[in-house]
Amino acid sequence: MFKRNHSLVISTVSPRGNPQSSLVVYVSDGDVLYAMTGEGTRKVKNIKKKPLVSVTIPFYKNLLHRLITRAPPASIMFKADSEIISYNEEEPRRLFKQHMGMEPPDTPNEDHVWLRLKPRSRVTCYGV
């Protein structure tokens, strides 16, 4: 499932204890997820202080599931250890090209980084 989907919600905690969630695009090798983001974002600042994050990956199982508008999408939820890595790191760039069909964008005006998200052992599923 990690490989087929491409968006997730990452939730971090600020140094003051306030929750913050962001929708990001990700790629995965099946065990680790990589999300591209700006180095100056709130989520990166939060991860530098507290690297444990919460991840939710919503998805629709089939066309019928998409047509039932009152039902929430199925989802996979887990805690993950996060790490901020260089935008030039080869593995996430290779996965991005493989799964998205294009090179990761050049970003000369903004410093970008990858978030490496390694799920912890417990994964919760809803509607799967």
N, C-alpha and C. Protein backbone atom coordinates (compact mmCIF):
# COMPACT_ATOMS: atom_id res chain seq x y z
N MET A 1 0.82 -1.19 0.00
CA MET A 1 0.00 0.00 0.00
C MET A 1 0.86 1.25 0.00
N PHE A 2 1.99 1.23 0.74
CA PHE A 2 2.84 2.41 0.80
C PHE A 2 3.30 2.83 -0.59
N LYS A 3 3.62 1.86 -1.45
CA LYS A 3 4.15 2.18 -2.76
C LYS A 3 3.11 2.77 -3.70
N ARG A 4 1.84 2.37 -3.55
CA ARG A 4 0.80 2.79 -4.51
C ARG A 4 0.24 4.17 -4.23
N ASN A 5 0.20 4.57 -3.00
CA ASN A 5 -0.35 5.87 -2.65
C ASN A 5 0.76 6.91 -2.71
N HIS A 6 0.40 8.20 -2.80
CA HIS A 6 1.45 9.21 -2.88
C HIS A 6 1.21 10.43 -1.99
N SER A 7 0.20 10.40 -1.12
CA SER A 7 0.03 11.53 -0.21
C SER A 7 -0.28 11.00 1.19
N LEU A 8 0.22 11.73 2.18
CA LEU A 8 -0.01 11.36 3.56
C LEU A 8 -0.11 12.62 4.41
N VAL A 9 -0.65 12.44 5.60
CA VAL A 9 -0.70 13.52 6.58
C VAL A 9 0.33 13.20 7.64
N ILE A 10 1.24 14.15 7.86
CA ILE A 10 2.26 13.98 8.90
C ILE A 10 1.92 14.96 10.02
N SER A 11 1.91 14.44 11.24
CA SER A 11 1.61 15.27 12.40
C SER A 11 2.83 15.34 13.30
N THR A 12 3.18 16.57 13.67
CA THR A 12 4.33 16.82 14.54
C THR A 12 3.85 17.60 15.76
N VAL A 13 4.75 17.81 16.69
CA VAL A 13 4.43 18.57 17.89
C VAL A 13 5.46 19.68 18.03
N SER A 14 4.97 20.89 18.26
CA SER A 14 5.86 22.05 18.42
C SER A 14 6.57 21.96 19.77
N PRO A 15 7.64 22.75 19.93
CA PRO A 15 8.33 22.76 21.24
C PRO A 15 7.40 23.15 22.39
N ARG A 16 6.33 23.90 22.11
CA ARG A 16 5.36 24.28 23.14
C ARG A 16 4.27 23.23 23.35
N GLY A 17 4.32 22.15 22.57
CA GLY A 17 3.35 21.08 22.72
C GLY A 17 2.12 21.20 21.84
N ASN A 18 2.13 22.13 20.89
CA ASN A 18 0.99 22.29 19.99
C ASN A 18 1.09 21.33 18.81
N PRO A 19 -0.02 20.67 18.45
CA PRO A 19 -0.01 19.77 17.30
C PRO A 19 0.00 20.55 15.99
N GLN A 20 0.61 19.97 14.98
CA GLN A 20 0.63 20.59 13.65
C GLN A 20 0.62 19.46 12.63
N SER A 21 -0.30 19.51 11.68
CA SER A 21 -0.41 18.48 10.65
C SER A 21 -0.24 19.10 9.27
N SER A 22 0.35 18.33 8.37
CA SER A 22 0.58 18.78 7.00
C SER A 22 0.33 17.63 6.03
N LEU A 23 -0.23 17.97 4.89
CA LEU A 23 -0.39 17.01 3.80
C LEU A 23 0.85 17.10 2.93
N VAL A 24 1.51 15.98 2.67
CA VAL A 24 2.71 15.96 1.85
C VAL A 24 2.66 14.82 0.84
N VAL A 25 3.41 14.98 -0.22
CA VAL A 25 3.58 13.92 -1.21
C VAL A 25 4.75 13.06 -0.76
N TYR A 26 4.63 11.75 -0.93
CA TYR A 26 5.72 10.87 -0.51
C TYR A 26 5.94 9.77 -1.54
N VAL A 27 7.09 9.14 -1.42
CA VAL A 27 7.42 7.93 -2.19
C VAL A 27 7.96 6.92 -1.19
N SER A 28 7.92 5.65 -1.56
CA SER A 28 8.32 4.62 -0.61
C SER A 28 8.93 3.42 -1.33
N ASP A 29 9.83 2.75 -0.61
CA ASP A 29 10.37 1.48 -1.10
C ASP A 29 9.63 0.31 -0.48
N GLY A 30 8.61 0.60 0.33
CA GLY A 30 7.83 -0.43 1.00
C GLY A 30 8.12 -0.52 2.49
N ASP A 31 9.30 -0.09 2.90
CA ASP A 31 9.69 -0.12 4.32
C ASP A 31 9.87 1.28 4.90
N VAL A 32 10.38 2.18 4.08
CA VAL A 32 10.66 3.55 4.50
C VAL A 32 9.94 4.50 3.55
N LEU A 33 9.44 5.61 4.09
CA LEU A 33 8.77 6.62 3.27
C LEU A 33 9.64 7.87 3.23
N TYR A 34 9.62 8.56 2.08
CA TYR A 34 10.36 9.81 1.92
C TYR A 34 9.39 10.88 1.46
N ALA A 35 9.41 12.02 2.16
CA ALA A 35 8.58 13.15 1.77
C ALA A 35 9.48 14.36 1.55
N MET A 36 9.21 15.09 0.49
CA MET A 36 9.97 16.29 0.18
C MET A 36 9.28 17.49 0.82
N THR A 37 10.09 18.40 1.40
CA THR A 37 9.52 19.59 2.02
C THR A 37 10.57 20.69 2.09
N GLY A 38 10.14 21.87 2.42
CA GLY A 38 11.06 22.99 2.58
C GLY A 38 11.78 22.91 3.91
N GLU A 39 13.04 23.29 3.89
CA GLU A 39 13.85 23.21 5.11
C GLU A 39 13.35 24.16 6.20
N GLY A 40 12.72 25.26 5.81
CA GLY A 40 12.25 26.23 6.79
C GLY A 40 10.82 26.02 7.26
N THR A 41 10.21 24.90 6.92
CA THR A 41 8.81 24.67 7.30
C THR A 41 8.68 24.38 8.80
N ARG A 42 7.48 24.57 9.28
CA ARG A 42 7.20 24.30 10.69
C ARG A 42 7.42 22.82 11.02
N LYS A 43 7.04 21.94 10.11
CA LYS A 43 7.21 20.51 10.40
C LYS A 43 8.67 20.14 10.57
N VAL A 44 9.56 20.73 9.75
CA VAL A 44 11.00 20.45 9.88
C VAL A 44 11.51 21.00 11.21
N LYS A 45 11.10 22.20 11.56
CA LYS A 45 11.52 22.78 12.84
C LYS A 45 11.05 21.91 14.01
N ASN A 46 9.81 21.41 13.91
CA ASN A 46 9.29 20.54 14.97
C ASN A 46 10.05 19.22 15.03
N ILE A 47 10.35 18.63 13.87
CA ILE A 47 11.06 17.34 13.83
C ILE A 47 12.47 17.47 14.40
N LYS A 48 13.10 18.61 14.19
CA LYS A 48 14.44 18.82 14.75
C LYS A 48 14.42 18.72 16.28
N LYS A 49 13.31 19.12 16.90
CA LYS A 49 13.18 19.07 18.36
C LYS A 49 12.61 17.73 18.84
N LYS A 50 11.62 17.20 18.09
CA LYS A 50 10.95 15.96 18.48
C LYS A 50 10.74 15.11 17.23
N PRO A 51 11.62 14.14 16.97
CA PRO A 51 11.56 13.38 15.71
C PRO A 51 10.46 12.32 15.61
N LEU A 52 9.76 12.03 16.71
CA LEU A 52 8.66 11.06 16.63
C LEU A 52 7.44 11.77 16.04
N VAL A 53 6.89 11.21 14.95
CA VAL A 53 5.75 11.82 14.27
C VAL A 53 4.63 10.79 14.15
N SER A 54 3.46 11.29 13.81
CA SER A 54 2.32 10.43 13.52
C SER A 54 1.99 10.58 12.04
N VAL A 55 1.69 9.47 11.38
CA VAL A 55 1.42 9.47 9.95
C VAL A 55 0.06 8.83 9.69
N THR A 56 -0.72 9.45 8.82
CA THR A 56 -1.98 8.89 8.35
C THR A 56 -1.95 8.88 6.83
N ILE A 57 -2.22 7.73 6.24
CA ILE A 57 -2.29 7.59 4.79
C ILE A 57 -3.72 7.21 4.42
N PRO A 58 -4.51 8.18 3.92
CA PRO A 58 -5.88 7.86 3.50
C PRO A 58 -5.87 7.28 2.08
N PHE A 59 -6.80 6.37 1.82
CA PHE A 59 -6.90 5.82 0.47
C PHE A 59 -8.29 5.24 0.25
N TYR A 60 -8.67 5.15 -1.00
CA TYR A 60 -9.93 4.53 -1.39
C TYR A 60 -9.63 3.16 -1.96
N LYS A 61 -10.35 2.15 -1.46
CA LYS A 61 -10.07 0.77 -1.85
C LYS A 61 -10.50 0.45 -3.27
N ASN A 62 -11.61 1.04 -3.71
CA ASN A 62 -12.13 0.74 -5.04
C ASN A 62 -13.11 1.84 -5.45
N LEU A 63 -13.68 1.71 -6.63
CA LEU A 63 -14.59 2.73 -7.14
C LEU A 63 -15.83 2.87 -6.26
N LEU A 64 -16.39 1.76 -5.78
CA LEU A 64 -17.57 1.81 -4.92
C LEU A 64 -17.26 2.61 -3.65
N HIS A 65 -16.11 2.40 -3.09
CA HIS A 65 -15.71 3.13 -1.89
C HIS A 65 -15.65 4.63 -2.17
N ARG A 66 -15.21 5.04 -3.36
CA ARG A 66 -15.17 6.46 -3.73
C ARG A 66 -16.58 7.04 -3.88
N LEU A 67 -17.54 6.22 -4.28
CA LEU A 67 -18.90 6.70 -4.52
C LEU A 67 -19.70 6.89 -3.24
N ILE A 68 -19.31 6.23 -2.18
CA ILE A 68 -20.01 6.38 -0.90
C ILE A 68 -19.43 7.61 -0.22
N THR A 69 -20.04 8.76 -0.47
CA THR A 69 -19.46 10.03 -0.04
C THR A 69 -19.55 10.27 1.46
N ARG A 70 -20.42 9.56 2.15
CA ARG A 70 -20.56 9.79 3.59
C ARG A 70 -19.57 8.97 4.41
N ALA A 71 -18.88 8.07 3.77
CA ALA A 71 -17.91 7.24 4.49
C ALA A 71 -16.51 7.85 4.34
N PRO A 72 -15.75 7.89 5.41
CA PRO A 72 -14.38 8.39 5.28
C PRO A 72 -13.54 7.39 4.50
N PRO A 73 -12.43 7.84 3.94
CA PRO A 73 -11.58 6.89 3.24
C PRO A 73 -10.97 5.90 4.22
N ALA A 74 -10.58 4.76 3.71
CA ALA A 74 -9.82 3.83 4.54
C ALA A 74 -8.50 4.51 4.86
N SER A 75 -7.83 4.06 5.90
CA SER A 75 -6.56 4.69 6.22
C SER A 75 -5.64 3.76 6.98
N ILE A 76 -4.37 4.06 6.86
CA ILE A 76 -3.32 3.39 7.61
C ILE A 76 -2.70 4.45 8.51
N MET A 77 -2.53 4.15 9.78
CA MET A 77 -1.99 5.11 10.73
C MET A 77 -0.87 4.46 11.53
N PHE A 78 0.18 5.21 11.76
CA PHE A 78 1.30 4.69 12.55
C PHE A 78 2.18 5.83 13.05
N LYS A 79 2.96 5.52 14.08
CA LYS A 79 4.00 6.42 14.54
C LYS A 79 5.25 6.10 13.73
N ALA A 80 6.06 7.11 13.50
CA ALA A 80 7.28 6.91 12.73
C ALA A 80 8.42 7.71 13.32
N ASP A 81 9.61 7.15 13.24
CA ASP A 81 10.81 7.89 13.56
C ASP A 81 11.19 8.67 12.31
N SER A 82 11.38 9.97 12.45
CA SER A 82 11.68 10.80 11.28
C SER A 82 13.11 11.31 11.35
N GLU A 83 13.65 11.54 10.17
CA GLU A 83 15.00 12.05 10.04
C GLU A 83 15.01 13.02 8.87
N ILE A 84 15.70 14.13 9.03
CA ILE A 84 15.83 15.11 7.96
C ILE A 84 17.12 14.79 7.21
N ILE A 85 16.99 14.58 5.89
CA ILE A 85 18.17 14.24 5.10
C ILE A 85 18.29 15.19 3.90
N SER A 86 19.45 15.21 3.31
CA SER A 86 19.75 16.12 2.21
C SER A 86 18.85 15.87 1.00
N TYR A 87 18.51 16.96 0.33
CA TYR A 87 17.71 16.87 -0.90
C TYR A 87 18.48 16.15 -2.01
N ASN A 88 19.80 16.09 -1.90
CA ASN A 88 20.62 15.41 -2.91
C ASN A 88 20.78 13.92 -2.66
N GLU A 89 20.21 13.41 -1.58
CA GLU A 89 20.29 11.98 -1.25
C GLU A 89 19.76 11.16 -2.42
N GLU A 90 20.49 10.14 -2.82
CA GLU A 90 20.18 9.38 -4.03
C GLU A 90 18.91 8.52 -3.93
N GLU A 91 18.71 7.81 -2.82
CA GLU A 91 17.59 6.86 -2.72
C GLU A 91 16.22 7.53 -2.89
N PRO A 92 15.89 8.61 -2.17
CA PRO A 92 14.57 9.22 -2.39
C PRO A 92 14.43 9.83 -3.79
N ARG A 93 15.51 10.33 -4.35
CA ARG A 93 15.45 10.88 -5.71
C ARG A 93 15.14 9.77 -6.72
N ARG A 94 15.77 8.61 -6.53
CA ARG A 94 15.53 7.46 -7.42
C ARG A 94 14.08 7.00 -7.30
N LEU A 95 13.59 6.90 -6.06
CA LEU A 95 12.20 6.47 -5.84
C LEU A 95 11.21 7.48 -6.41
N PHE A 96 11.50 8.76 -6.26
CA PHE A 96 10.61 9.79 -6.80
C PHE A 96 10.50 9.63 -8.32
N LYS A 97 11.63 9.46 -8.97
CA LYS A 97 11.62 9.29 -10.43
C LYS A 97 10.87 8.01 -10.83
N GLN A 98 11.12 6.94 -10.09
CA GLN A 98 10.48 5.66 -10.38
C GLN A 98 8.96 5.72 -10.20
N HIS A 99 8.49 6.30 -9.11
CA HIS A 99 7.05 6.29 -8.81
C HIS A 99 6.27 7.45 -9.42
N MET A 100 6.93 8.58 -9.59
CA MET A 100 6.24 9.76 -10.13
C MET A 100 6.48 9.95 -11.62
N GLY A 101 7.44 9.22 -12.17
CA GLY A 101 7.71 9.30 -13.60
C GLY A 101 8.44 10.55 -14.02
N MET A 102 9.09 11.23 -13.09
CA MET A 102 9.86 12.43 -13.42
C MET A 102 10.91 12.67 -12.35
N GLU A 103 11.88 13.50 -12.71
CA GLU A 103 12.92 13.86 -11.74
C GLU A 103 12.32 14.75 -10.66
N PRO A 104 12.84 14.69 -9.43
CA PRO A 104 12.39 15.65 -8.42
C PRO A 104 12.68 17.06 -8.93
N PRO A 105 11.83 18.02 -8.61
CA PRO A 105 12.02 19.37 -9.14
C PRO A 105 13.30 20.02 -8.64
N ASP A 106 13.91 20.83 -9.52
CA ASP A 106 15.02 21.68 -9.10
C ASP A 106 14.42 22.83 -8.32
N THR A 107 15.01 23.15 -7.20
CA THR A 107 14.45 24.21 -6.36
C THR A 107 15.52 25.23 -6.00
N PRO A 108 15.93 26.04 -6.97
CA PRO A 108 17.02 26.98 -6.69
C PRO A 108 16.63 28.10 -5.72
N ASN A 109 15.36 28.43 -5.60
CA ASN A 109 14.94 29.55 -4.76
C ASN A 109 14.60 29.15 -3.34
N GLU A 110 14.52 27.88 -3.07
CA GLU A 110 14.15 27.44 -1.72
C GLU A 110 14.94 26.19 -1.38
N ASP A 111 15.44 26.13 -0.18
CA ASP A 111 16.17 24.95 0.26
C ASP A 111 15.17 23.85 0.59
N HIS A 112 15.33 22.71 -0.04
CA HIS A 112 14.46 21.57 0.22
C HIS A 112 15.25 20.45 0.90
N VAL A 113 14.53 19.62 1.60
CA VAL A 113 15.09 18.45 2.26
C VAL A 113 14.11 17.30 2.06
N TRP A 114 14.57 16.11 2.35
CA TRP A 114 13.70 14.93 2.41
C TRP A 114 13.48 14.59 3.87
N LEU A 115 12.29 14.13 4.18
CA LEU A 115 12.01 13.54 5.48
C LEU A 115 12.03 12.03 5.28
N ARG A 116 12.85 11.33 6.02
CA ARG A 116 12.85 9.86 5.99
C ARG A 116 11.98 9.41 7.15
N LEU A 117 10.91 8.68 6.84
CA LEU A 117 9.94 8.23 7.85
C LEU A 117 10.01 6.71 7.96
N LYS A 118 10.43 6.23 9.09
CA LYS A 118 10.53 4.78 9.32
C LYS A 118 9.44 4.38 10.30
N PRO A 119 8.41 3.66 9.82
CA PRO A 119 7.32 3.25 10.70
C PRO A 119 7.80 2.41 11.87
N ARG A 120 7.19 2.64 13.01
CA ARG A 120 7.45 1.78 14.17
C ARG A 120 6.67 0.48 13.96
N SER A 121 6.79 -0.44 14.88
CA SER A 121 6.25 -1.79 14.67
C SER A 121 4.73 -1.86 14.60
N ARG A 122 4.01 -0.98 15.27
CA ARG A 122 2.54 -1.08 15.30
C ARG A 122 1.92 -0.18 14.23
N VAL A 123 1.12 -0.78 13.37
CA VAL A 123 0.41 -0.07 12.32
C VAL A 123 -1.08 -0.33 12.52
N THR A 124 -1.88 0.73 12.53
CA THR A 124 -3.33 0.61 12.70
C THR A 124 -4.02 0.87 11.38
N CYS A 125 -5.05 0.09 11.09
CA CYS A 125 -5.79 0.27 9.84
C CYS A 125 -7.25 0.55 10.16
N TYR A 126 -7.87 1.39 9.32
CA TYR A 126 -9.29 1.69 9.44
C TYR A 126 -9.94 1.40 8.09
N GLY A 127 -10.98 0.62 8.07
CA GLY A 127 -11.73 0.36 6.85
C GLY A 127 -10.99 -0.45 5.80
N VAL A 128 -9.96 -1.17 6.21
CA VAL A 128 -9.16 -1.95 5.26
C VAL A 128 -9.68 -3.36 5.19
